[in-house]
Amino acid sequence: MSEMSETFKKIGLFGIGVVALTQEKIEEFAKEMVEKGEMNREEGKKFVRDVLSEKDRQLKDLEDKISQKAKDVIEKSGVATKRDIEAIRKRIERLERGTL
């Protein structure tokens, strides 16, 4: 496990998810760690960058999961999607032109 993963684990970030943290809180935590001598300034800056990167990754993952769940619900509900309606519209146009 990487050093950063260990640090995340120590402060419970994997348990609650980084998504719940604000940049201000992340920077505040890093500043406290630097002041306590737990990490130097460069490590603090890297920590903030890494946590923000992890936050972005978690947000993207969450958005993807929500999007997939929404697609699954729509598919199961039998509701016509925009794509379905467009396909029907194009087919009607072809029928009206007699090219089908």
N, C-alpha and C. Protein backbone atom coordinates (compact mmCIF):
# COMPACT_ATOMS: atom_id res chain seq x y z
N MET A 1 0.85 -1.18 0.00
CA MET A 1 0.00 0.00 0.00
C MET A 1 0.90 1.24 0.00
N SER A 2 0.54 2.24 -0.77
CA SER A 2 1.37 3.44 -0.88
C SER A 2 1.33 4.24 0.42
N GLU A 3 2.34 5.10 0.56
CA GLU A 3 2.42 5.96 1.75
C GLU A 3 1.18 6.85 1.85
N MET A 4 0.72 7.36 0.71
CA MET A 4 -0.45 8.23 0.72
C MET A 4 -1.68 7.44 1.14
N SER A 5 -1.82 6.21 0.68
CA SER A 5 -2.94 5.38 1.09
C SER A 5 -2.93 5.15 2.59
N GLU A 6 -1.75 4.95 3.12
CA GLU A 6 -1.61 4.78 4.57
C GLU A 6 -2.06 6.03 5.30
N THR A 7 -1.66 7.19 4.79
CA THR A 7 -2.05 8.46 5.41
C THR A 7 -3.56 8.62 5.34
N PHE A 8 -4.15 8.31 4.17
CA PHE A 8 -5.60 8.40 4.03
C PHE A 8 -6.27 7.49 5.05
N LYS A 9 -5.76 6.30 5.16
CA LYS A 9 -6.33 5.32 6.07
C LYS A 9 -6.27 5.82 7.51
N LYS A 10 -5.13 6.40 7.88
CA LYS A 10 -4.93 6.89 9.24
C LYS A 10 -5.95 7.96 9.60
N ILE A 11 -6.29 8.80 8.65
CA ILE A 11 -7.23 9.87 8.98
C ILE A 11 -8.67 9.51 8.60
N GLY A 12 -8.87 8.29 8.16
CA GLY A 12 -10.22 7.81 7.91
C GLY A 12 -10.83 8.27 6.61
N LEU A 13 -10.02 8.71 5.66
CA LEU A 13 -10.58 9.22 4.41
C LEU A 13 -11.22 8.13 3.57
N PHE A 14 -10.69 6.91 3.63
CA PHE A 14 -11.30 5.86 2.82
C PHE A 14 -12.65 5.46 3.39
N GLY A 15 -12.81 5.61 4.70
CA GLY A 15 -14.07 5.25 5.34
C GLY A 15 -15.19 6.20 4.98
N ILE A 16 -14.91 7.50 5.02
CA ILE A 16 -15.96 8.49 4.75
C ILE A 16 -15.98 8.93 3.30
N GLY A 17 -14.89 8.69 2.61
CA GLY A 17 -14.80 9.14 1.23
C GLY A 17 -14.27 10.56 1.17
N VAL A 18 -13.36 10.77 0.28
CA VAL A 18 -12.74 12.08 0.13
C VAL A 18 -13.74 13.10 -0.41
N VAL A 19 -14.76 12.63 -1.08
CA VAL A 19 -15.75 13.51 -1.69
C VAL A 19 -16.36 14.46 -0.66
N ALA A 20 -16.47 14.01 0.58
CA ALA A 20 -17.11 14.80 1.62
C ALA A 20 -16.23 15.95 2.12
N LEU A 21 -14.97 15.97 1.74
CA LEU A 21 -14.06 16.99 2.23
C LEU A 21 -13.99 18.18 1.29
N THR A 22 -13.84 19.37 1.86
CA THR A 22 -13.64 20.57 1.05
C THR A 22 -12.15 20.79 0.89
N GLN A 23 -11.78 21.55 -0.12
CA GLN A 23 -10.36 21.86 -0.33
C GLN A 23 -9.81 22.59 0.89
N GLU A 24 -10.62 23.46 1.47
CA GLU A 24 -10.19 24.20 2.65
C GLU A 24 -9.85 23.26 3.80
N LYS A 25 -10.67 22.25 4.04
CA LYS A 25 -10.43 21.29 5.11
C LYS A 25 -9.17 20.46 4.84
N ILE A 26 -8.98 20.10 3.59
CA ILE A 26 -7.80 19.32 3.20
C ILE A 26 -6.54 20.13 3.46
N GLU A 27 -6.57 21.40 3.02
CA GLU A 27 -5.42 22.27 3.22
C GLU A 27 -5.18 22.54 4.70
N GLU A 28 -6.26 22.69 5.45
CA GLU A 28 -6.17 22.91 6.90
C GLU A 28 -5.51 21.71 7.58
N PHE A 29 -5.92 20.51 7.19
CA PHE A 29 -5.35 19.30 7.76
C PHE A 29 -3.85 19.21 7.44
N ALA A 30 -3.49 19.48 6.18
CA ALA A 30 -2.09 19.43 5.78
C ALA A 30 -1.26 20.44 6.56
N LYS A 31 -1.82 21.63 6.74
CA LYS A 31 -1.11 22.68 7.50
C LYS A 31 -0.86 22.21 8.93
N GLU A 32 -1.87 21.61 9.54
CA GLU A 32 -1.72 21.09 10.90
C GLU A 32 -0.64 20.01 10.96
N MET A 33 -0.62 19.14 9.97
CA MET A 33 0.38 18.07 9.93
C MET A 33 1.79 18.66 9.80
N VAL A 34 1.94 19.71 8.99
CA VAL A 34 3.23 20.37 8.83
C VAL A 34 3.64 21.02 10.15
N GLU A 35 2.69 21.70 10.79
CA GLU A 35 2.99 22.36 12.06
C GLU A 35 3.38 21.36 13.15
N LYS A 36 2.80 20.18 13.12
CA LYS A 36 3.12 19.15 14.11
C LYS A 36 4.41 18.41 13.76
N GLY A 37 4.94 18.68 12.57
CA GLY A 37 6.16 18.00 12.15
C GLY A 37 5.91 16.62 11.56
N GLU A 38 4.65 16.30 11.28
CA GLU A 38 4.30 15.00 10.71
C GLU A 38 4.71 14.91 9.23
N MET A 39 4.80 16.07 8.58
CA MET A 39 5.26 16.13 7.19
C MET A 39 5.86 17.50 6.95
N ASN A 40 6.74 17.59 5.94
CA ASN A 40 7.31 18.89 5.61
C ASN A 40 6.40 19.63 4.63
N ARG A 41 6.77 20.86 4.27
CA ARG A 41 5.92 21.68 3.40
C ARG A 41 5.66 21.01 2.05
N GLU A 42 6.70 20.46 1.46
CA GLU A 42 6.54 19.81 0.14
C GLU A 42 5.60 18.60 0.25
N GLU A 43 5.76 17.83 1.32
CA GLU A 43 4.88 16.68 1.54
C GLU A 43 3.44 17.17 1.75
N GLY A 44 3.30 18.30 2.44
CA GLY A 44 1.97 18.88 2.66
C GLY A 44 1.31 19.28 1.36
N LYS A 45 2.10 19.93 0.49
CA LYS A 45 1.57 20.33 -0.82
C LYS A 45 1.18 19.11 -1.65
N LYS A 46 2.06 18.09 -1.62
CA LYS A 46 1.79 16.85 -2.36
C LYS A 46 0.54 16.17 -1.80
N PHE A 47 0.42 16.18 -0.48
CA PHE A 47 -0.75 15.58 0.16
C PHE A 47 -2.03 16.24 -0.35
N VAL A 48 -2.04 17.57 -0.35
CA VAL A 48 -3.23 18.31 -0.82
C VAL A 48 -3.53 17.94 -2.27
N ARG A 49 -2.50 17.93 -3.12
CA ARG A 49 -2.71 17.57 -4.54
C ARG A 49 -3.27 16.15 -4.66
N ASP A 50 -2.68 15.22 -3.89
CA ASP A 50 -3.11 13.82 -3.97
C ASP A 50 -4.55 13.65 -3.48
N VAL A 51 -4.88 14.33 -2.39
CA VAL A 51 -6.25 14.20 -1.86
C VAL A 51 -7.24 14.81 -2.84
N LEU A 52 -6.92 15.95 -3.42
CA LEU A 52 -7.82 16.57 -4.40
C LEU A 52 -7.96 15.69 -5.63
N SER A 53 -6.87 15.05 -6.04
CA SER A 53 -6.93 14.12 -7.17
C SER A 53 -7.81 12.92 -6.83
N GLU A 54 -7.66 12.40 -5.62
CA GLU A 54 -8.51 11.28 -5.17
C GLU A 54 -9.97 11.72 -5.10
N LYS A 55 -10.19 12.94 -4.65
CA LYS A 55 -11.56 13.47 -4.58
C LYS A 55 -12.18 13.51 -5.97
N ASP A 56 -11.42 14.01 -6.96
CA ASP A 56 -11.91 14.06 -8.34
C ASP A 56 -12.22 12.66 -8.86
N ARG A 57 -11.33 11.69 -8.54
CA ARG A 57 -11.53 10.32 -8.98
C ARG A 57 -12.80 9.74 -8.36
N GLN A 58 -12.99 9.98 -7.06
CA GLN A 58 -14.18 9.47 -6.39
C GLN A 58 -15.45 10.12 -6.93
N LEU A 59 -15.40 11.42 -7.21
CA LEU A 59 -16.57 12.10 -7.78
C LEU A 59 -16.92 11.52 -9.15
N LYS A 60 -15.92 11.30 -9.98
CA LYS A 60 -16.15 10.71 -11.30
C LYS A 60 -16.75 9.32 -11.18
N ASP A 61 -16.20 8.53 -10.26
CA ASP A 61 -16.71 7.18 -10.02
C ASP A 61 -18.17 7.23 -9.55
N LEU A 62 -18.47 8.16 -8.65
CA LEU A 62 -19.83 8.31 -8.15
C LEU A 62 -20.78 8.73 -9.27
N GLU A 63 -20.34 9.69 -10.09
CA GLU A 63 -21.17 10.14 -11.21
C GLU A 63 -21.44 8.99 -12.19
N ASP A 64 -20.40 8.20 -12.46
CA ASP A 64 -20.57 7.06 -13.37
C ASP A 64 -21.57 6.05 -12.81
N LYS A 65 -21.48 5.79 -11.51
CA LYS A 65 -22.40 4.83 -10.88
C LYS A 65 -23.83 5.35 -10.90
N ILE A 66 -24.00 6.62 -10.63
CA ILE A 66 -25.34 7.22 -10.65
C ILE A 66 -25.91 7.18 -12.07
N SER A 67 -25.08 7.52 -13.04
CA SER A 67 -25.52 7.50 -14.44
C SER A 67 -25.94 6.10 -14.86
N GLN A 68 -25.13 5.10 -14.50
CA GLN A 68 -25.45 3.72 -14.86
C GLN A 68 -26.74 3.28 -14.18
N LYS A 69 -26.91 3.66 -12.91
CA LYS A 69 -28.12 3.28 -12.18
C LYS A 69 -29.35 3.92 -12.83
N ALA A 70 -29.22 5.18 -13.24
CA ALA A 70 -30.33 5.87 -13.90
C ALA A 70 -30.68 5.17 -15.21
N LYS A 71 -29.66 4.79 -15.98
CA LYS A 71 -29.90 4.07 -17.24
C LYS A 71 -30.61 2.74 -16.98
N ASP A 72 -30.18 2.03 -15.93
CA ASP A 72 -30.80 0.75 -15.59
C ASP A 72 -32.27 0.94 -15.23
N VAL A 73 -32.57 1.98 -14.45
CA VAL A 73 -33.96 2.25 -14.03
C VAL A 73 -34.81 2.59 -15.24
N ILE A 74 -34.30 3.43 -16.12
CA ILE A 74 -35.05 3.82 -17.33
C ILE A 74 -35.30 2.59 -18.20
N GLU A 75 -34.26 1.78 -18.37
CA GLU A 75 -34.39 0.58 -19.19
C GLU A 75 -35.45 -0.37 -18.62
N LYS A 76 -35.43 -0.56 -17.32
CA LYS A 76 -36.39 -1.47 -16.68
C LYS A 76 -37.80 -0.91 -16.69
N SER A 77 -37.92 0.42 -16.71
CA SER A 77 -39.24 1.04 -16.65
C SER A 77 -39.98 0.97 -17.98
N GLY A 78 -39.25 0.76 -19.06
CA GLY A 78 -39.89 0.71 -20.37
C GLY A 78 -40.15 2.08 -20.96
N VAL A 79 -39.66 3.13 -20.35
CA VAL A 79 -39.85 4.48 -20.86
C VAL A 79 -38.96 4.66 -22.09
N ALA A 80 -39.51 5.28 -23.11
CA ALA A 80 -38.74 5.53 -24.33
C ALA A 80 -37.68 6.60 -24.06
N THR A 81 -36.49 6.34 -24.55
CA THR A 81 -35.41 7.31 -24.39
C THR A 81 -35.39 8.25 -25.57
N LYS A 82 -34.62 9.29 -25.47
CA LYS A 82 -34.47 10.25 -26.55
C LYS A 82 -33.95 9.54 -27.81
N ARG A 83 -33.04 8.61 -27.62
CA ARG A 83 -32.48 7.84 -28.73
C ARG A 83 -33.57 6.99 -29.40
N ASP A 84 -34.44 6.37 -28.59
CA ASP A 84 -35.54 5.56 -29.13
C ASP A 84 -36.47 6.43 -29.99
N ILE A 85 -36.80 7.58 -29.45
CA ILE A 85 -37.73 8.48 -30.15
C ILE A 85 -37.11 8.98 -31.45
N GLU A 86 -35.82 9.30 -31.42
CA GLU A 86 -35.13 9.75 -32.63
C GLU A 86 -35.11 8.65 -33.68
N ALA A 87 -34.87 7.42 -33.27
CA ALA A 87 -34.86 6.29 -34.22
C ALA A 87 -36.23 6.13 -34.86
N ILE A 88 -37.29 6.26 -34.08
CA ILE A 88 -38.66 6.15 -34.61
C ILE A 88 -38.95 7.30 -35.57
N ARG A 89 -38.52 8.50 -35.21
CA ARG A 89 -38.73 9.67 -36.08
C ARG A 89 -38.06 9.45 -37.44
N LYS A 90 -36.82 8.96 -37.41
CA LYS A 90 -36.10 8.72 -38.66
C LYS A 90 -36.79 7.63 -39.49
N ARG A 91 -37.28 6.61 -38.83
CA ARG A 91 -37.96 5.53 -39.54
C ARG A 91 -39.24 6.05 -40.19
N ILE A 92 -39.98 6.89 -39.49
CA ILE A 92 -41.21 7.48 -40.04
C ILE A 92 -40.89 8.33 -41.26
N GLU A 93 -39.80 9.10 -41.17
CA GLU A 93 -39.39 9.93 -42.31
C GLU A 93 -39.08 9.04 -43.53
N ARG A 94 -38.38 7.93 -43.30
CA ARG A 94 -38.06 7.01 -44.41
C ARG A 94 -39.32 6.39 -44.97
N LEU A 95 -40.27 6.03 -44.10
CA LEU A 95 -41.55 5.45 -44.57
C LEU A 95 -42.31 6.46 -45.42
N GLU A 96 -42.32 7.72 -44.96
CA GLU A 96 -43.04 8.76 -45.70
C GLU A 96 -42.41 9.01 -47.07
N ARG A 97 -41.09 8.84 -47.15
CA ARG A 97 -40.40 9.02 -48.44
C ARG A 97 -40.47 7.77 -49.30
N GLY A 98 -40.93 6.70 -48.70
CA GLY A 98 -41.03 5.42 -49.42
C GLY A 98 -39.69 4.76 -49.63
N THR A 99 -38.74 5.06 -48.78
CA THR A 99 -37.40 4.48 -48.94
C THR A 99 -37.13 3.35 -47.96
N LEU A 100 -38.13 2.84 -47.33
CA LEU A 100 -37.94 1.74 -46.38
C LEU A 100 -38.35 0.44 -46.96
